[in-house]
Amino acid sequence: MRVSAPLRLGPDRPRAAIIVVHAGASGLVERLRFLGLPDDAFPRDALFLYERDPSTWKAPGNPVHVADARRAIEQGLAEGVPTAVVSWSGGCVAAARAINEIGAERVALFVDVEGPVDRFSLVPPGRDMPEWRGLSPFDEAPWAGRELVRLLPGCPYLRVQGRPDHVHGDCLVHADRIMQVATTRCAWSRRLDLAGRVENGGREVVDGLDRALRELPYPTGSR
């Protein structure tokens, strides 16, 4: 099953292109609600929203969903302006893999909003997920394409972290771990800690993304 082309919102001549990569299939339904924001939260930018293919397994790492993310990012790059990829929760896996396939040097900024980073944070505590039943935490190979600590691209990286985390509550070990990786791997890295749940901190995220776009010597999709 194939899905429709990404939905583009925003001005004809944007400052930047922002691609939103969700963990679920409902990108055109969820939109920016995970940040508590309306569609026009980035009025100077082209915002790209899309539905991922719902016909196959749902857990992060599905190559079909990586292809969906890549298609949306490539449409953003075609704008010829700095391109930022904003992922929500487990969408960070498809986003990171798509960026790596496209070339991290072409992406201005990767904004990871409360994404799981390894096999221990990918599996929600106390939840039975069929896709994970056959995976042992002691087997390296099955996790190779699923752990952000291994997949994190070298482009500038902004981690957005609420407290409590939407899955792990006050345990933020996974956020600490990805920042340790980012400081050595990424061209630029920052962590934006919110005083409360992420859906109540959307305006801080808008401000943080604006600051990053002003601060970074970013590439454009036309290059």
Protein backbone atom coordinates (compact mmCIF):
# COMPACT_ATOMS: atom_id res chain seq x y z
CA MET A 1 0.00 0.00 0.00
CA ARG A 2 1.33 3.42 -0.93
CA VAL A 3 0.32 6.68 0.67
CA SER A 4 -0.27 10.15 -0.74
CA ALA A 5 2.48 12.71 -1.24
CA PRO A 6 3.46 14.81 1.79
CA LEU A 7 1.23 17.77 2.58
CA ARG A 8 3.03 21.12 2.27
CA LEU A 9 1.91 24.07 4.38
CA GLY A 10 3.42 27.54 4.54
CA PRO A 11 4.58 30.45 2.37
CA ASP A 12 5.77 30.23 -1.23
CA ARG A 13 9.21 31.54 -0.27
CA PRO A 14 10.01 29.96 3.10
CA ARG A 15 12.94 30.62 5.39
CA ALA A 16 13.35 26.88 5.95
CA ALA A 17 11.67 23.55 5.29
CA ILE A 18 10.53 21.54 8.33
CA ILE A 19 9.70 17.86 7.92
CA VAL A 20 7.83 16.12 10.75
CA VAL A 21 8.47 12.40 11.20
CA HIS A 22 6.02 10.65 13.52
CA ALA A 23 6.29 7.30 15.26
CA GLY A 24 2.81 6.30 14.07
CA ALA A 25 1.00 6.33 10.77
CA SER A 26 -1.12 9.36 11.61
CA GLY A 27 1.16 12.22 10.59
CA LEU A 28 -1.67 14.08 8.88
CA VAL A 29 -3.86 13.62 11.94
CA GLU A 30 -1.32 14.15 14.72
CA ARG A 31 0.40 17.04 12.90
CA LEU A 32 2.12 19.22 15.57
CA ARG A 33 -0.17 18.21 18.42
CA PHE A 34 2.61 16.31 20.18
CA LEU A 35 4.07 19.76 20.84
CA GLY A 36 0.71 21.32 21.59
CA LEU A 37 1.08 23.54 18.52
CA PRO A 38 -1.18 24.55 15.61
CA ASP A 39 -0.24 24.07 11.95
CA ASP A 40 0.90 27.70 11.65
CA ALA A 41 3.41 27.54 14.52
CA PHE A 42 6.25 28.14 12.03
CA PRO A 43 4.73 30.87 9.83
CA ARG A 44 7.95 31.63 7.91
CA ASP A 45 8.67 28.02 7.05
CA ALA A 46 7.37 25.31 4.74
CA LEU A 47 5.96 22.53 6.92
CA PHE A 48 5.74 18.99 5.51
CA LEU A 49 3.38 16.42 7.05
CA TYR A 50 2.74 12.93 5.77
CA GLU A 51 1.10 9.58 6.44
CA ARG A 52 3.48 6.66 6.59
CA ASP A 53 2.58 3.35 4.99
CA PRO A 54 0.37 1.51 7.54
CA SER A 55 0.41 -1.86 5.80
CA THR A 56 3.45 -3.41 7.49
CA TRP A 57 4.89 -3.83 11.00
CA LYS A 58 4.81 -0.74 13.18
CA ALA A 59 7.92 -0.86 15.38
CA PRO A 60 10.81 1.54 14.63
CA GLY A 61 13.26 0.29 12.03
CA ASN A 62 10.85 -0.75 9.29
CA PRO A 63 12.55 0.04 5.93
CA VAL A 64 9.18 0.96 4.43
CA HIS A 65 8.81 3.76 6.96
CA VAL A 66 12.38 4.91 6.34
CA ALA A 67 11.44 5.27 2.66
CA ASP A 68 8.35 7.30 3.65
CA ALA A 69 10.51 9.66 5.72
CA ARG A 70 13.10 9.95 3.00
CA ARG A 71 10.48 10.93 0.43
CA ALA A 72 9.22 13.73 2.70
CA ILE A 73 12.75 14.97 3.46
CA GLU A 74 13.67 15.01 -0.22
CA GLN A 75 10.59 17.11 -0.94
CA GLY A 76 11.75 19.56 1.72
CA LEU A 77 15.27 19.67 0.29
CA ALA A 78 13.80 20.53 -3.10
CA GLU A 79 12.68 23.87 -1.64
CA GLY A 80 16.32 25.00 -1.84
CA VAL A 81 16.29 26.37 1.72
CA PRO A 82 17.73 25.01 4.98
CA THR A 83 15.95 21.79 5.90
CA ALA A 84 15.18 20.71 9.47
CA VAL A 85 13.85 17.26 10.33
CA VAL A 86 11.72 17.09 13.48
CA SER A 87 11.00 13.60 14.81
CA TRP A 88 8.59 12.57 17.53
CA SER A 89 9.22 9.58 19.80
CA GLY A 90 10.16 6.42 17.83
CA GLY A 91 10.02 8.40 14.60
CA CYS A 92 13.65 9.28 15.35
CA VAL A 93 14.72 5.90 13.93
CA ALA A 94 13.17 6.42 10.48
CA ALA A 95 14.32 10.05 10.50
CA ALA A 96 17.94 9.19 11.34
CA ARG A 97 18.13 6.39 8.80
CA ALA A 98 16.59 8.57 6.08
CA ILE A 99 19.03 11.41 6.82
CA ASN A 100 21.96 9.02 6.64
CA GLU A 101 20.75 7.68 3.29
CA ILE A 102 20.28 11.16 1.86
CA GLY A 103 23.51 12.52 3.32
CA ALA A 104 23.75 14.26 6.68
CA GLU A 105 25.68 17.13 5.12
CA ARG A 106 22.50 18.16 3.25
CA VAL A 107 20.36 18.53 6.39
CA ALA A 108 20.55 21.71 8.44
CA LEU A 109 19.20 20.34 11.72
CA PHE A 110 17.82 17.15 13.25
CA VAL A 111 15.39 17.86 16.10
CA ASP A 112 14.72 14.71 18.15
CA VAL A 113 11.72 15.10 20.46
CA GLU A 114 11.86 12.46 23.22
CA GLY A 115 13.03 9.65 20.97
CA PRO A 116 14.15 6.26 22.33
CA VAL A 117 17.86 5.76 21.78
CA ASP A 118 18.68 2.10 22.41
CA ARG A 119 17.15 -1.35 22.92
CA PHE A 120 16.39 -0.57 26.56
CA SER A 121 14.42 2.61 25.86
CA LEU A 122 12.82 1.40 22.61
CA VAL A 123 10.66 -1.18 24.37
CA PRO A 124 8.13 0.67 26.55
CA PRO A 125 8.15 -0.69 30.11
CA GLY A 126 5.24 -2.94 30.90
CA ARG A 127 3.91 -3.05 27.34
CA ASP A 128 3.57 -6.11 25.14
CA MET A 129 4.63 -5.27 21.59
CA PRO A 130 4.49 -8.22 19.17
CA GLU A 131 7.28 -6.79 17.00
CA TRP A 132 9.74 -7.01 19.91
CA ARG A 133 8.93 -10.48 21.26
CA GLY A 134 11.59 -12.28 19.26
CA LEU A 135 14.37 -9.79 19.92
CA SER A 136 16.84 -10.47 22.69
CA PRO A 137 18.71 -7.52 24.23
CA PHE A 138 21.80 -9.71 24.04
CA ASP A 139 21.73 -10.14 20.25
CA GLU A 140 23.45 -7.24 18.51
CA ALA A 141 22.44 -7.77 14.88
CA PRO A 142 18.65 -7.29 15.17
CA TRP A 143 19.12 -3.94 16.87
CA ALA A 144 21.60 -2.50 14.36
CA GLY A 145 19.00 -0.54 12.41
CA ARG A 146 16.90 0.45 15.40
CA GLU A 147 19.16 2.18 17.94
CA LEU A 148 19.64 5.93 17.64
CA VAL A 149 22.95 5.71 19.49
CA ARG A 150 24.27 3.90 16.42
CA LEU A 151 22.22 5.69 13.76
CA LEU A 152 22.61 9.31 14.87
CA PRO A 153 23.68 11.30 11.79
CA GLY A 154 26.48 13.83 11.95
CA CYS A 155 24.35 16.87 11.11
CA PRO A 156 23.52 19.45 13.82
CA TYR A 157 21.34 17.85 16.49
CA LEU A 158 18.85 19.28 18.98
CA ARG A 159 17.40 16.97 21.65
CA VAL A 160 14.08 18.13 23.10
CA GLN A 161 13.31 16.50 26.43
CA GLY A 162 10.32 17.00 28.70
CA ARG A 163 10.08 15.88 32.28
CA PRO A 164 8.28 13.59 32.66
CA ASP A 165 9.19 11.79 29.43
CA HIS A 166 6.09 10.59 27.56
CA VAL A 167 7.15 6.93 28.01
CA HIS A 168 9.81 6.76 30.71
CA GLY A 169 8.56 9.33 33.21
CA ASP A 170 11.32 10.87 35.29
CA CYS A 171 13.95 8.39 34.06
CA LEU A 172 15.96 10.34 31.50
CA VAL A 173 18.98 8.05 31.19
CA HIS A 174 18.27 7.59 27.49
CA ALA A 175 18.41 11.36 26.91
CA ASP A 176 21.73 11.58 28.75
CA ARG A 177 23.12 8.74 26.68
CA ILE A 178 22.24 10.20 23.28
CA MET A 179 23.77 13.54 24.23
CA GLN A 180 27.03 11.79 25.09
CA VAL A 181 27.03 10.37 21.57
CA ALA A 182 25.98 13.66 19.96
CA THR A 183 28.79 15.69 21.50
CA THR A 184 31.39 13.60 19.68
CA ARG A 185 29.51 12.70 16.49
CA CYS A 186 27.48 15.75 15.49
CA ALA A 187 28.68 19.00 13.96
CA TRP A 188 26.68 20.87 16.63
CA SER A 189 24.54 19.58 19.49
CA ARG A 190 22.28 21.05 22.13
CA ARG A 191 19.71 19.76 24.60
CA LEU A 192 16.51 21.65 25.33
CA ASP A 193 15.07 20.56 28.67
CA LEU A 194 11.46 21.51 29.27
CA ALA A 195 9.96 22.07 32.71
CA GLY A 196 7.02 19.73 32.22
CA ARG A 197 5.50 17.59 29.50
CA VAL A 198 6.57 18.21 25.94
CA GLU A 199 3.03 19.02 24.75
CA ASN A 200 3.10 22.01 27.10
CA GLY A 201 6.46 23.29 25.88
CA GLY A 202 5.83 23.81 22.19
CA ARG A 203 6.60 27.52 22.19
CA GLU A 204 10.01 26.79 23.75
CA VAL A 205 10.64 24.30 20.95
CA VAL A 206 9.73 26.92 18.33
CA ASP A 207 12.15 29.37 19.97
CA GLY A 208 14.87 26.72 20.21
CA LEU A 209 14.54 25.81 16.54
CA ASP A 210 14.60 29.49 15.58
CA ARG A 211 17.80 30.03 17.59
CA ALA A 212 19.43 27.01 15.98
CA LEU A 213 18.59 28.16 12.46
CA ARG A 214 20.08 31.57 13.21
CA GLU A 215 23.19 30.12 14.79
CA LEU A 216 24.09 27.36 12.36
CA PRO A 217 26.03 27.72 9.10
CA TYR A 218 23.56 25.33 7.49
CA PRO A 219 23.39 23.86 3.99
CA THR A 220 20.46 24.22 1.61
CA GLY A 221 18.64 21.57 -0.37
CA SER A 222 19.79 23.09 -3.65
CA ARG A 223 23.41 22.13 -2.98
